[in-house]
Amino acid sequence: MQIQDLHKESPARFQQSVGPRFWINGFLAMISFLFFGALPVLAFGFSFRELNDHDYKMVATVVVSTIAIIFLGCGKVAAKMTDLSYRRTLTTLISTGIVAAVAGFYTGEYISKLLEKYGILDE
């Protein structure tokens, strides 16, 4: 296949991968990102304000994040955006979320320790 043939095929492949309603899908993706992405941040900010116990805040954030991921996964399957079953989609999304959360948590801990070591951040 020559380069010209690939160039001619690419708009059709793009249209097939994003669907016929590109702007609607993009808008819905942005709105869902803003709404469901804000839920864990709000849960962290408003939970256990008087106690200020970070362990309870982390648990509340994990629970809210998991619920948000479940809603997003169910919406993805209901909208026929995937051929996978509910169980398989939710398992994939939740495991990906867990890996991202653990990586983010330990990255934050590592950066905090580095900042403390160099005197930039005081405990």
PDB file of N, CA and C in Angstrom:
ATOM      1  N   MET A   1       0.845  -1.167   0.000  1.00  0.00           N
ATOM      2  CA  MET A   1       0.000   0.000   0.000  1.00  0.00           C
ATOM      3  C   MET A   1       0.895   1.237   0.000  1.00  0.00           C
ATOM      4  N   GLN A   2       0.568   2.192  -0.798  1.00  0.00           N
ATOM      5  CA  GLN A   2       1.387   3.389  -0.913  1.00  0.00           C
ATOM      6  C   GLN A   2       0.907   4.464   0.057  1.00  0.00           C
ATOM      7  N   ILE A   3       1.750   5.468   0.248  1.00  0.00           N
ATOM      8  CA  ILE A   3       1.433   6.537   1.185  1.00  0.00           C
ATOM      9  C   ILE A   3       0.172   7.278   0.755  1.00  0.00           C
ATOM     10  N   GLN A   4      -0.020   7.483  -0.544  1.00  0.00           N
ATOM     11  CA  GLN A   4      -1.201   8.186  -1.012  1.00  0.00           C
ATOM     12  C   GLN A   4      -2.481   7.426  -0.637  1.00  0.00           C
ATOM     13  N   ASP A   5      -2.427   6.096  -0.692  1.00  0.00           N
ATOM     14  CA  ASP A   5      -3.588   5.289  -0.336  1.00  0.00           C
ATOM     15  C   ASP A   5      -3.920   5.434   1.147  1.00  0.00           C
ATOM     16  N   LEU A   6      -2.896   5.473   2.006  1.00  0.00           N
ATOM     17  CA  LEU A   6      -3.127   5.664   3.436  1.00  0.00           C
ATOM     18  C   LEU A   6      -3.734   7.027   3.712  1.00  0.00           C
ATOM     19  N   HIS A   7      -3.254   8.034   3.006  1.00  0.00           N
ATOM     20  CA  HIS A   7      -3.775   9.383   3.203  1.00  0.00           C
ATOM     21  C   HIS A   7      -5.252   9.464   2.805  1.00  0.00           C
ATOM     22  N   LYS A   8      -5.618   8.757   1.747  1.00  0.00           N
ATOM     23  CA  LYS A   8      -7.015   8.772   1.313  1.00  0.00           C
ATOM     24  C   LYS A   8      -7.905   8.019   2.287  1.00  0.00           C
ATOM     25  N   GLU A   9      -7.381   6.993   2.941  1.00  0.00           N
ATOM     26  CA  GLU A   9      -8.166   6.197   3.873  1.00  0.00           C
ATOM     27  C   GLU A   9      -8.320   6.850   5.235  1.00  0.00           C
ATOM     28  N   SER A  10      -7.401   7.707   5.629  1.00  0.00           N
ATOM     29  CA  SER A  10      -7.388   8.211   6.994  1.00  0.00           C
ATOM     30  C   SER A  10      -8.657   8.959   7.409  1.00  0.00           C
ATOM     31  N   PRO A  11      -9.272   9.823   6.577  1.00  0.00           N
ATOM     32  CA  PRO A  11     -10.516  10.453   7.025  1.00  0.00           C
ATOM     33  C   PRO A  11     -11.627   9.438   7.289  1.00  0.00           C
ATOM     34  N   ALA A  12     -11.700   8.399   6.481  1.00  0.00           N
ATOM     35  CA  ALA A  12     -12.721   7.373   6.702  1.00  0.00           C
ATOM     36  C   ALA A  12     -12.449   6.614   7.997  1.00  0.00           C
ATOM     37  N   ARG A  13     -11.192   6.312   8.264  1.00  0.00           N
ATOM     38  CA  ARG A  13     -10.850   5.628   9.512  1.00  0.00           C
ATOM     39  C   ARG A  13     -11.156   6.510  10.715  1.00  0.00           C
ATOM     40  N   PHE A  14     -10.842   7.795  10.606  1.00  0.00           N
ATOM     41  CA  PHE A  14     -11.124   8.724  11.695  1.00  0.00           C
ATOM     42  C   PHE A  14     -12.618   8.794  11.958  1.00  0.00           C
ATOM     43  N   GLN A  15     -13.390   8.939  10.921  1.00  0.00           N
ATOM     44  CA  GLN A  15     -14.838   9.021  11.066  1.00  0.00           C
ATOM     45  C   GLN A  15     -15.398   7.742  11.683  1.00  0.00           C
ATOM     46  N   GLN A  16     -14.841   6.599  11.293  1.00  0.00           N
ATOM     47  CA  GLN A  16     -15.298   5.336  11.841  1.00  0.00           C
ATOM     48  C   GLN A  16     -14.930   5.205  13.307  1.00  0.00           C
ATOM     49  N   SER A  17     -13.755   5.692  13.707  1.00  0.00           N
ATOM     50  CA  SER A  17     -13.316   5.528  15.092  1.00  0.00           C
ATOM     51  C   SER A  17     -14.025   6.471  16.046  1.00  0.00           C
ATOM     52  N   VAL A  18     -14.361   7.676  15.631  1.00  0.00           N
ATOM     53  CA  VAL A  18     -15.020   8.633  16.524  1.00  0.00           C
ATOM     54  C   VAL A  18     -16.527   8.632  16.375  1.00  0.00           C
ATOM     55  N   GLY A  19     -17.023   8.065  15.336  1.00  0.00           N
ATOM     56  CA  GLY A  19     -18.459   8.007  15.150  1.00  0.00           C
ATOM     57  C   GLY A  19     -18.967   9.169  14.326  1.00  0.00           C
ATOM     58  N   PRO A  20     -20.207   9.075  13.901  1.00  0.00           N
ATOM     59  CA  PRO A  20     -20.759  10.111  13.032  1.00  0.00           C
ATOM     60  C   PRO A  20     -21.058  11.414  13.771  1.00  0.00           C
ATOM     61  N   ARG A  21     -21.198  11.354  15.095  1.00  0.00           N
ATOM     62  CA  ARG A  21     -21.541  12.554  15.859  1.00  0.00           C
ATOM     63  C   ARG A  21     -20.318  13.032  16.647  1.00  0.00           C
ATOM     64  N   PHE A  22     -19.299  13.474  15.944  1.00  0.00           N
ATOM     65  CA  PHE A  22     -18.031  13.842  16.565  1.00  0.00           C
ATOM     66  C   PHE A  22     -18.201  14.946  17.595  1.00  0.00           C
ATOM     67  N   TRP A  23     -18.896  16.028  17.262  1.00  0.00           N
ATOM     68  CA  TRP A  23     -19.019  17.171  18.167  1.00  0.00           C
ATOM     69  C   TRP A  23     -19.867  16.824  19.386  1.00  0.00           C
ATOM     70  N   ILE A  24     -20.895  16.045  19.205  1.00  0.00           N
ATOM     71  CA  ILE A  24     -21.728  15.643  20.342  1.00  0.00           C
ATOM     72  C   ILE A  24     -20.932  14.730  21.263  1.00  0.00           C
ATOM     73  N   ASN A  25     -20.221  13.769  20.687  1.00  0.00           N
ATOM     74  CA  ASN A  25     -19.402  12.875  21.507  1.00  0.00           C
ATOM     75  C   ASN A  25     -18.319  13.637  22.253  1.00  0.00           C
ATOM     76  N   GLY A  26     -17.687  14.598  21.587  1.00  0.00           N
ATOM     77  CA  GLY A  26     -16.658  15.394  22.244  1.00  0.00           C
ATOM     78  C   GLY A  26     -17.207  16.238  23.371  1.00  0.00           C
ATOM     79  N   PHE A  27     -18.367  16.847  23.151  1.00  0.00           N
ATOM     80  CA  PHE A  27     -19.002  17.656  24.184  1.00  0.00           C
ATOM     81  C   PHE A  27     -19.385  16.803  25.385  1.00  0.00           C
ATOM     82  N   LEU A  28     -19.979  15.645  25.133  1.00  0.00           N
ATOM     83  CA  LEU A  28     -20.361  14.760  26.232  1.00  0.00           C
ATOM     84  C   LEU A  28     -19.135  14.242  26.999  1.00  0.00           C
ATOM     85  N   ALA A  29     -18.061  13.977  26.283  1.00  0.00           N
ATOM     86  CA  ALA A  29     -16.831  13.534  26.954  1.00  0.00           C
ATOM     87  C   ALA A  29     -16.282  14.636  27.850  1.00  0.00           C
ATOM     88  N   MET A  30     -16.317  15.873  27.377  1.00  0.00           N
ATOM     89  CA  MET A  30     -15.818  16.987  28.178  1.00  0.00           C
ATOM     90  C   MET A  30     -16.684  17.212  29.422  1.00  0.00           C
ATOM     91  N   ILE A  31     -17.985  17.182  29.255  1.00  0.00           N
ATOM     92  CA  ILE A  31     -18.895  17.379  30.384  1.00  0.00           C
ATOM     93  C   ILE A  31     -18.745  16.252  31.410  1.00  0.00           C
ATOM     94  N   SER A  32     -18.651  15.018  30.934  1.00  0.00           N
ATOM     95  CA  SER A  32     -18.505  13.904  31.877  1.00  0.00           C
ATOM     96  C   SER A  32     -17.160  13.968  32.587  1.00  0.00           C
ATOM     97  N   PHE A  33     -16.114  14.403  31.886  1.00  0.00           N
ATOM     98  CA  PHE A  33     -14.813  14.563  32.526  1.00  0.00           C
ATOM     99  C   PHE A  33     -14.878  15.621  33.624  1.00  0.00           C
ATOM    100  N   LEU A  34     -15.501  16.757  33.313  1.00  0.00           N
ATOM    101  CA  LEU A  34     -15.603  17.825  34.312  1.00  0.00           C
ATOM    102  C   LEU A  34     -16.457  17.403  35.508  1.00  0.00           C
ATOM    103  N   PHE A  35     -17.593  16.776  35.250  1.00  0.00           N
ATOM    104  CA  PHE A  35     -18.495  16.395  36.339  1.00  0.00           C
ATOM    105  C   PHE A  35     -17.914  15.263  37.177  1.00  0.00           C
ATOM    106  N   PHE A  36     -17.587  14.144  36.529  1.00  0.00           N
ATOM    107  CA  PHE A  36     -17.105  12.991  37.282  1.00  0.00           C
ATOM    108  C   PHE A  36     -15.691  13.195  37.814  1.00  0.00           C
ATOM    109  N   GLY A  37     -14.905  14.036  37.163  1.00  0.00           N
ATOM    110  CA  GLY A  37     -13.572  14.349  37.674  1.00  0.00           C
ATOM    111  C   GLY A  37     -13.620  15.257  38.890  1.00  0.00           C
ATOM    112  N   ALA A  38     -14.666  16.071  38.987  1.00  0.00           N
ATOM    113  CA  ALA A  38     -14.800  16.972  40.128  1.00  0.00           C
ATOM    114  C   ALA A  38     -15.314  16.258  41.369  1.00  0.00           C
ATOM    115  N   LEU A  39     -16.025  15.166  41.206  1.00  0.00           N
ATOM    116  CA  LEU A  39     -16.606  14.470  42.353  1.00  0.00           C
ATOM    117  C   LEU A  39     -15.562  14.036  43.389  1.00  0.00           C
ATOM    118  N   PRO A  40     -14.468  13.365  43.008  1.00  0.00           N
ATOM    119  CA  PRO A  40     -13.479  12.981  44.012  1.00  0.00           C
ATOM    120  C   PRO A  40     -12.806  14.183  44.679  1.00  0.00           C
ATOM    121  N   VAL A  41     -12.578  15.238  43.919  1.00  0.00           N
ATOM    122  CA  VAL A  41     -11.959  16.440  44.490  1.00  0.00           C
ATOM    123  C   VAL A  41     -12.897  17.071  45.523  1.00  0.00           C
ATOM    124  N   LEU A  42     -14.175  17.154  45.203  1.00  0.00           N
ATOM    125  CA  LEU A  42     -15.149  17.692  46.145  1.00  0.00           C
ATOM    126  C   LEU A  42     -15.287  16.799  47.370  1.00  0.00           C
ATOM    127  N   ALA A  43     -15.257  15.489  47.160  1.00  0.00           N
ATOM    128  CA  ALA A  43     -15.333  14.569  48.297  1.00  0.00           C
ATOM    129  C   ALA A  43     -14.137  14.757  49.217  1.00  0.00           C
ATOM    130  N   PHE A  44     -12.965  14.926  48.646  1.00  0.00           N
ATOM    131  CA  PHE A  44     -11.767  15.136  49.469  1.00  0.00           C
ATOM    132  C   PHE A  44     -11.846  16.468  50.209  1.00  0.00           C
ATOM    133  N   GLY A  45     -12.322  17.495  49.535  1.00  0.00           N
ATOM    134  CA  GLY A  45     -12.353  18.822  50.141  1.00  0.00           C
ATOM    135  C   GLY A  45     -13.398  18.988  51.221  1.00  0.00           C
ATOM    136  N   PHE A  46     -14.544  18.340  51.056  1.00  0.00           N
ATOM    137  CA  PHE A  46     -15.638  18.563  51.990  1.00  0.00           C
ATOM    138  C   PHE A  46     -15.842  17.453  53.011  1.00  0.00           C
ATOM    139  N   SER A  47     -15.112  16.364  52.917  1.00  0.00           N
ATOM    140  CA  SER A  47     -15.315  15.280  53.876  1.00  0.00           C
ATOM    141  C   SER A  47     -14.435  15.471  55.104  1.00  0.00           C
ATOM    142  N   PHE A  48     -15.019  15.226  56.255  1.00  0.00           N
ATOM    143  CA  PHE A  48     -14.307  15.238  57.542  1.00  0.00           C
ATOM    144  C   PHE A  48     -13.505  16.523  57.717  1.00  0.00           C
ATOM    145  N   ARG A  49     -14.161  17.648  57.507  1.00  0.00           N
ATOM    146  CA  ARG A  49     -13.486  18.940  57.587  1.00  0.00           C
ATOM    147  C   ARG A  49     -13.046  19.270  59.005  1.00  0.00           C
ATOM    148  N   GLU A  50     -13.866  18.915  59.995  1.00  0.00           N
ATOM    149  CA  GLU A  50     -13.518  19.261  61.369  1.00  0.00           C
ATOM    150  C   GLU A  50     -12.435  18.348  61.916  1.00  0.00           C
ATOM    151  N   LEU A  51     -12.487  17.073  61.569  1.00  0.00           N
ATOM    152  CA  LEU A  51     -11.470  16.134  62.046  1.00  0.00           C
ATOM    153  C   LEU A  51     -10.149  16.320  61.306  1.00  0.00           C
ATOM    154  N   ASN A  52     -10.230  16.647  60.041  1.00  0.00           N
ATOM    155  CA  ASN A  52      -9.074  16.778  59.148  1.00  0.00           C
ATOM    156  C   ASN A  52      -8.199  15.521  59.177  1.00  0.00           C
ATOM    157  N   ASP A  53      -8.855  14.365  59.235  1.00  0.00           N
ATOM    158  CA  ASP A  53      -8.139  13.086  59.230  1.00  0.00           C
ATOM    159  C   ASP A  53      -7.960  12.637  57.780  1.00  0.00           C
ATOM    160  N   HIS A  54      -6.728  12.576  57.332  1.00  0.00           N
ATOM    161  CA  HIS A  54      -6.449  12.251  55.935  1.00  0.00           C
ATOM    162  C   HIS A  54      -6.831  10.823  55.577  1.00  0.00           C
ATOM    163  N   ASP A  55      -6.809   9.910  56.544  1.00  0.00           N
ATOM    164  CA  ASP A  55      -7.213   8.536  56.254  1.00  0.00           C
ATOM    165  C   ASP A  55      -8.692   8.456  55.908  1.00  0.00           C
ATOM    166  N   TYR A  56      -9.524   9.150  56.680  1.00  0.00           N
ATOM    167  CA  TYR A  56     -10.959   9.166  56.387  1.00  0.00           C
ATOM    168  C   TYR A  56     -11.227   9.877  55.062  1.00  0.00           C
ATOM    169  N   LYS A  57     -10.485  10.946  54.814  1.00  0.00           N
ATOM    170  CA  LYS A  57     -10.656  11.659  53.552  1.00  0.00           C
ATOM    171  C   LYS A  57     -10.298  10.762  52.370  1.00  0.00           C
ATOM    172  N   MET A  58      -9.235   9.984  52.528  1.00  0.00           N
ATOM    173  CA  MET A  58      -8.817   9.093  51.441  1.00  0.00           C
ATOM    174  C   MET A  58      -9.877   8.022  51.189  1.00  0.00           C
ATOM    175  N   VAL A  59     -10.442   7.470  52.248  1.00  0.00           N
ATOM    176  CA  VAL A  59     -11.481   6.451  52.087  1.00  0.00           C
ATOM    177  C   VAL A  59     -12.703   7.048  51.387  1.00  0.00           C
ATOM    178  N   ALA A  60     -13.111   8.244  51.814  1.00  0.00           N
ATOM    179  CA  ALA A  60     -14.272   8.895  51.186  1.00  0.00           C
ATOM    180  C   ALA A  60     -13.998   9.168  49.709  1.00  0.00           C
ATOM    181  N   THR A  61     -12.792   9.601  49.406  1.00  0.00           N
ATOM    182  CA  THR A  61     -12.437   9.890  48.019  1.00  0.00           C
ATOM    183  C   THR A  61     -12.421   8.627  47.176  1.00  0.00           C
ATOM    184  N   VAL A  62     -11.903   7.539  47.731  1.00  0.00           N
ATOM    185  CA  VAL A  62     -11.864   6.265  47.001  1.00  0.00           C
ATOM    186  C   VAL A  62     -13.280   5.765  46.730  1.00  0.00           C
ATOM    187  N   VAL A  63     -14.155   5.872  47.728  1.00  0.00           N
ATOM    188  CA  VAL A  63     -15.534   5.403  47.551  1.00  0.00           C
ATOM    189  C   VAL A  63     -16.243   6.231  46.471  1.00  0.00           C
ATOM    190  N   VAL A  64     -16.114   7.545  46.538  1.00  0.00           N
ATOM    191  CA  VAL A  64     -16.764   8.404  45.541  1.00  0.00           C
ATOM    192  C   VAL A  64     -16.173   8.159  44.152  1.00  0.00           C
ATOM    193  N   SER A  65     -14.863   7.989  44.077  1.00  0.00           N
ATOM    194  CA  SER A  65     -14.227   7.724  42.784  1.00  0.00           C
ATOM    195  C   SER A  65     -14.711   6.409  42.193  1.00  0.00           C
ATOM    196  N   THR A  66     -14.818   5.388  43.022  1.00  0.00           N
ATOM    197  CA  THR A  66     -15.288   4.089  42.546  1.00  0.00           C
ATOM    198  C   THR A  66     -16.723   4.172  42.045  1.00  0.00           C
ATOM    199  N   ILE A  67     -17.567   4.888  42.769  1.00  0.00           N
ATOM    200  CA  ILE A  67     -18.957   5.059  42.333  1.00  0.00           C
ATOM    201  C   ILE A  67     -19.011   5.816  41.008  1.00  0.00           C
ATOM    202  N   ALA A  68     -18.177   6.850  40.872  1.00  0.00           N
ATOM    203  CA  ALA A  68     -18.139   7.611  39.608  1.00  0.00           C
ATOM    204  C   ALA A  68     -17.687   6.719  38.457  1.00  0.00           C
ATOM    205  N   ILE A  69     -16.685   5.885  38.703  1.00  0.00           N
ATOM    206  CA  ILE A  69     -16.199   4.971  37.661  1.00  0.00           C
ATOM    207  C   ILE A  69     -17.281   3.966  37.281  1.00  0.00           C
ATOM    208  N   ILE A  70     -18.028   3.498  38.258  1.00  0.00           N
ATOM    209  CA  ILE A  70     -19.117   2.548  37.980  1.00  0.00           C
ATOM    210  C   ILE A  70     -20.183   3.204  37.103  1.00  0.00           C
ATOM    211  N   PHE A  71     -20.563   4.444  37.440  1.00  0.00           N
ATOM    212  CA  PHE A  71     -21.551   5.145  36.616  1.00  0.00           C
ATOM    213  C   PHE A  71     -21.035   5.369  35.194  1.00  0.00           C
ATOM    214  N   LEU A  72     -19.775   5.765  35.077  1.00  0.00           N
ATOM    215  CA  LEU A  72     -19.206   5.968  33.741  1.00  0.00           C
ATOM    216  C   LEU A  72     -19.155   4.663  32.949  1.00  0.00           C
ATOM    217  N   GLY A  73     -18.784   3.577  33.604  1.00  0.00           N
ATOM    218  CA  GLY A  73     -18.738   2.279  32.933  1.00  0.00           C
ATOM    219  C   GLY A  73     -20.112   1.819  32.476  1.00  0.00           C
ATOM    220  N   CYS A  74     -21.109   1.990  33.347  1.00  0.00           N
ATOM    221  CA  CYS A  74     -22.473   1.609  32.969  1.00  0.00           C
ATOM    222  C   CYS A  74     -22.978   2.463  31.810  1.00  0.00           C
ATOM    223  N   GLY A  75     -22.640   3.750  31.837  1.00  0.00           N
ATOM    224  CA  GLY A  75     -23.029   4.623  30.733  1.00  0.00           C
ATOM    225  C   GLY A  75     -22.346   4.232  29.438  1.00  0.00           C
ATOM    226  N   LYS A  76     -21.103   3.810  29.544  1.00  0.00           N
ATOM    227  CA  LYS A  76     -20.358   3.396  28.347  1.00  0.00           C
ATOM    228  C   LYS A  76     -20.984   2.157  27.715  1.00  0.00           C
ATOM    229  N   VAL A  77     -21.369   1.202  28.540  1.00  0.00           N
ATOM    230  CA  VAL A  77     -21.987  -0.014  28.009  1.00  0.00           C
ATOM    231  C   VAL A  77     -23.388   0.288  27.487  1.00  0.00           C
ATOM    232  N   ALA A  78     -24.150   1.109  28.222  1.00  0.00           N
ATOM    233  CA  ALA A  78     -25.514   1.425  27.805  1.00  0.00           C
ATOM    234  C   ALA A  78     -25.533   2.212  26.498  1.00  0.00           C
ATOM    235  N   ALA A  79     -24.519   3.034  26.271  1.00  0.00           N
ATOM    236  CA  ALA A  79     -24.446   3.822  25.043  1.00  0.00           C
ATOM    237  C   ALA A  79     -23.845   3.019  23.888  1.00  0.00           C
ATOM    238  N   LYS A  80     -23.577   1.760  24.130  1.00  0.00           N
ATOM    239  CA  LYS A  80     -23.018   0.866  23.108  1.00  0.00           C
ATOM    240  C   LYS A  80     -21.666   1.365  22.594  1.00  0.00           C
ATOM    241  N   MET A  81     -20.865   1.944  23.476  1.00  0.00           N
ATOM    242  CA  MET A  81     -19.538   2.404  23.086  1.00  0.00           C
ATOM    243  C   MET A  81     -18.514   1.275  23.160  1.00  0.00           C
ATOM    244  N   THR A  82     -18.933   0.154  23.715  1.00  0.00           N
ATOM    245  CA  THR A  82     -18.060  -1.005  23.809  1.00  0.00           C
ATOM    246  C   THR A  82     -18.879  -2.265  23.582  1.00  0.00           C
ATOM    247  N   ASP A  83     -18.224  -3.300  23.131  1.00  0.00           N
ATOM    248  CA  ASP A  83     -18.901  -4.581  22.944  1.00  0.00           C
ATOM    249  C   ASP A  83     -18.750  -5.476  24.167  1.00  0.00           C
ATOM    250  N   LEU A  84     -18.020  -4.996  25.175  1.00  0.00           N
ATOM    251  CA  LEU A  84     -17.784  -5.804  26.369  1.00  0.00           C
ATOM    252  C   LEU A  84     -19.012  -5.806  27.263  1.00  0.00           C
ATOM    253  N   SER A  85     -19.071  -6.789  28.143  1.00  0.00           N
ATOM    254  CA  SER A  85     -20.179  -6.874  29.089  1.00  0.00           C
ATOM    255  C   SER A  85     -20.007  -5.829  30.190  1.00  0.00           C
ATOM    256  N   TYR A  86     -21.059  -5.648  30.989  1.00  0.00           N
ATOM    257  CA  TYR A  86     -20.977  -4.724  32.117  1.00  0.00           C
ATOM    258  C   TYR A  86     -19.853  -5.129  33.061  1.00  0.00           C
ATOM    259  N   ARG A  87     -19.811  -6.408  33.396  1.00  0.00           N
ATOM    260  CA  ARG A  87     -18.805  -6.887  34.348  1.00  0.00           C
ATOM    261  C   ARG A  87     -17.385  -6.658  33.834  1.00  0.00           C
ATOM    262  N   ARG A  88     -17.153  -6.975  32.588  1.00  0.00           N
ATOM    263  CA  ARG A  88     -15.820  -6.822  32.011  1.00  0.00           C
ATOM    264  C   ARG A  88     -15.425  -5.341  31.899  1.00  0.00           C
ATOM    265  N   THR A  89     -16.366  -4.504  31.493  1.00  0.00           N
ATOM    266  CA  THR A  89     -16.090  -3.072  31.379  1.00  0.00           C
ATOM    267  C   THR A  89     -15.793  -2.473  32.747  1.00  0.00           C
ATOM    268  N   LEU A  90     -16.626  -2.793  33.743  1.00  0.00           N
ATOM    269  CA  LEU A  90     -16.416  -2.246  35.083  1.00  0.00           C
ATOM    270  C   LEU A  90     -15.114  -2.746  35.693  1.00  0.00           C
ATOM    271  N   THR A  91     -14.811  -4.007  35.479  1.00  0.00           N
ATOM    272  CA  THR A  91     -13.543  -4.549  36.004  1.00  0.00           C
ATOM    273  C   THR A  91     -12.348  -3.836  35.387  1.00  0.00           C
ATOM    274  N   THR A  92     -12.398  -3.619  34.097  1.00  0.00           N
ATOM    275  CA  THR A  92     -11.303  -2.925  33.417  1.00  0.00           C
ATOM    276  C   THR A  92     -11.172  -1.491  33.907  1.00  0.00           C
ATOM    277  N   LEU A  93     -12.275  -0.765  33.979  1.00  0.00           N
ATOM    278  CA  LEU A  93     -12.222   0.630  34.404  1.00  0.00           C
ATOM    279  C   LEU A  93     -11.786   0.772  35.859  1.00  0.00           C
ATOM    280  N   ILE A  94     -12.302  -0.074  36.741  1.00  0.00           N
ATOM    281  CA  ILE A  94     -11.943   0.019  38.158  1.00  0.00           C
ATOM    282  C   ILE A  94     -10.483  -0.358  38.373  1.00  0.00           C
ATOM    283  N   SER A  95     -10.002  -1.397  37.709  1.00  0.00           N
ATOM    284  CA  SER A  95      -8.594  -1.770  37.874  1.00  0.00           C
ATOM    285  C   SER A  95      -7.672  -0.690  37.322  1.00  0.00           C
ATOM    286  N   THR A  96      -8.051  -0.063  36.216  1.00  0.00           N
ATOM    287  CA  THR A  96      -7.266   1.053  35.690  1.00  0.00           C
ATOM    288  C   THR A  96      -7.276   2.226  36.671  1.00  0.00           C
ATOM    289  N   GLY A  97      -8.427   2.496  37.259  1.00  0.00           N
ATOM    290  CA  GLY A  97      -8.522   3.566  38.255  1.00  0.00           C
ATOM    291  C   GLY A  97      -7.679   3.284  39.483  1.00  0.00           C
ATOM    292  N   ILE A  98      -7.641   2.041  39.929  1.00  0.00           N
ATOM    293  CA  ILE A  98      -6.828   1.674  41.087  1.00  0.00           C
ATOM    294  C   ILE A  98      -5.347   1.867  40.787  1.00  0.00           C
ATOM    295  N   VAL A  99      -4.917   1.423  39.630  1.00  0.00           N
ATOM    296  CA  VAL A  99      -3.505   1.593  39.252  1.00  0.00           C
ATOM    297  C   VAL A  99      -3.144   3.073  39.176  1.00  0.00           C
ATOM    298  N   ALA A 100      -4.017   3.881  38.591  1.00  0.00           N
ATOM    299  CA  ALA A 100      -3.752   5.322  38.493  1.00  0.00           C
ATOM    300  C   ALA A 100      -3.730   5.973  39.871  1.00  0.00           C
ATOM    301  N   ALA A 101      -4.634   5.564  40.754  1.00  0.00           N
ATOM    302  CA  ALA A 101      -4.672   6.144  42.098  1.00  0.00           C
ATOM    303  C   ALA A 101      -3.440   5.779  42.906  1.00  0.00           C
ATOM    304  N   VAL A 102      -3.029   4.530  42.836  1.00  0.00           N
ATOM    305  CA  VAL A 102      -1.837   4.101  43.576  1.00  0.00           C
ATOM    306  C   VAL A 102      -0.586   4.805  43.036  1.00  0.00           C
ATOM    307  N   ALA A 103      -0.488   4.900  41.727  1.00  0.00           N
ATOM    308  CA  ALA A 103       0.661   5.589  41.136  1.00  0.00           C
ATOM    309  C   ALA A 103       0.674   7.060  41.545  1.00  0.00           C
ATOM    310  N   GLY A 104      -0.471   7.712  41.505  1.00  0.00           N
ATOM    311  CA  GLY A 104      -0.560   9.112  41.909  1.00  0.00           C
ATOM    312  C   GLY A 104      -0.254   9.316  43.380  1.00  0.00           C
ATOM    313  N   PHE A 105      -0.746   8.412  44.222  1.00  0.00           N
ATOM    314  CA  PHE A 105      -0.509   8.524  45.665  1.00  0.00           C
ATOM    315  C   PHE A 105       0.977   8.401  45.975  1.00  0.00           C
ATOM    316  N   TYR A 106       1.611   7.367  45.440  1.00  0.00           N
ATOM    317  CA  TYR A 106       3.027   7.165  45.745  1.00  0.00           C
ATOM    318  C   TYR A 106       3.918   8.218  45.074  1.00  0.00           C
ATOM    319  N   THR A 107       3.513   8.728  43.942  1.00  0.00           N
ATOM    320  CA  THR A 107       4.252   9.826  43.329  1.00  0.00           C
ATOM    321  C   THR A 107       4.185  11.068  44.215  1.00  0.00           C
ATOM    322  N   GLY A 108       3.004  11.351  44.742  1.00  0.00           N
ATOM    323  CA  GLY A 108       2.851  12.475  45.663  1.00  0.00           C
ATOM    324  C   GLY A 108       3.663  12.297  46.936  1.00  0.00           C
ATOM    325  N   GLU A 109       3.660  11.097  47.474  1.00  0.00           N
ATOM    326  CA  GLU A 109       4.456  10.820  48.680  1.00  0.00           C
ATOM    327  C   GLU A 109       5.943  11.008  48.397  1.00  0.00           C
ATOM    328  N   TYR A 110       6.392  10.516  47.271  1.00  0.00           N
ATOM    329  CA  TYR A 110       7.807  10.623  46.913  1.00  0.00           C
ATOM    330  C   TYR A 110       8.214  12.087  46.723  1.00  0.00           C
ATOM    331  N   ILE A 111       7.380  12.846  46.042  1.00  0.00           N
ATOM    332  CA  ILE A 111       7.681  14.263  45.834  1.00  0.00           C
ATOM    333  C   ILE A 111       7.666  15.014  47.158  1.00  0.00           C
ATOM    334  N   SER A 112       6.718  14.695  48.038  1.00  0.00           N
ATOM    335  CA  SER A 112       6.683  15.332  49.356  1.00  0.00           C
ATOM    336  C   SER A 112       7.951  15.050  50.143  1.00  0.00           C
ATOM    337  N   LYS A 113       8.422  13.809  50.107  1.00  0.00           N
ATOM    338  CA  LYS A 113       9.658  13.472  50.823  1.00  0.00           C
ATOM    339  C   LYS A 113      10.858  14.198  50.226  1.00  0.00           C
ATOM    340  N   LEU A 114      10.901  14.305  48.907  1.00  0.00           N
ATOM    341  CA  LEU A 114      11.990  15.045  48.271  1.00  0.00           C
ATOM    342  C   LEU A 114      11.960  16.520  48.665  1.00  0.00           C
ATOM    343  N   LEU A 115      10.771  17.111  48.677  1.00  0.00           N
ATOM    344  CA  LEU A 115      10.659  18.513  49.052  1.00  0.00           C
ATOM    345  C   LEU A 115      11.034  18.734  50.516  1.00  0.00           C
ATOM    346  N   GLU A 116      10.666  17.799  51.386  1.00  0.00           N
ATOM    347  CA  GLU A 116      11.059  17.893  52.791  1.00  0.00           C
ATOM    348  C   GLU A 116      12.569  17.755  52.942  1.00  0.00           C
ATOM    349  N   LYS A 117      13.155  16.845  52.186  1.00  0.00           N
ATOM    350  CA  LYS A 117      14.588  16.607  52.277  1.00  0.00           C
ATOM    351  C   LYS A 117      15.389  17.854  51.920  1.00  0.00           C
ATOM    352  N   TYR A 118      14.925  18.588  50.913  1.00  0.00           N
ATOM    353  CA  TYR A 118      15.633  19.783  50.493  1.00  0.00           C
ATOM    354  C   TYR A 118      15.136  21.057  51.168  1.00  0.00           C
ATOM    355  N   GLY A 119      14.266  20.917  52.174  1.00  0.00           N
ATOM    356  CA  GLY A 119      13.823  22.064  52.949  1.00  0.00           C
ATOM    357  C   GLY A 119      12.819  22.961  52.267  1.00  0.00           C
ATOM    358  N   ILE A 120      12.225  22.506  51.178  1.00  0.00           N
ATOM    359  CA  ILE A 120      11.231  23.326  50.477  1.00  0.00           C
ATOM    360  C   ILE A 120       9.877  23.203  51.149  1.00  0.00           C
ATOM    361  N   LEU A 121       9.572  22.049  51.673  1.00  0.00           N
ATOM    362  CA  LEU A 121       8.304  21.780  52.311  1.00  0.00           C
ATOM    363  C   LEU A 121       8.571  21.377  53.750  1.00  0.00           C
ATOM    364  N   ASP A 122       7.941  22.078  54.689  1.00  0.00           N
ATOM    365  CA  ASP A 122       8.100  21.732  56.110  1.00  0.00           C
ATOM    366  C   ASP A 122       6.892  20.929  56.553  1.00  0.00           C
ATOM    367  N   GLU A 123       7.133  19.861  57.275  1.00  0.00           N
ATOM    368  CA  GLU A 123       6.068  18.976  57.740  1.00  0.00           C
ATOM    369  C   GLU A 123       5.291  19.601  58.824  1.00  0.00           C
TER     370      GLU A 123
END
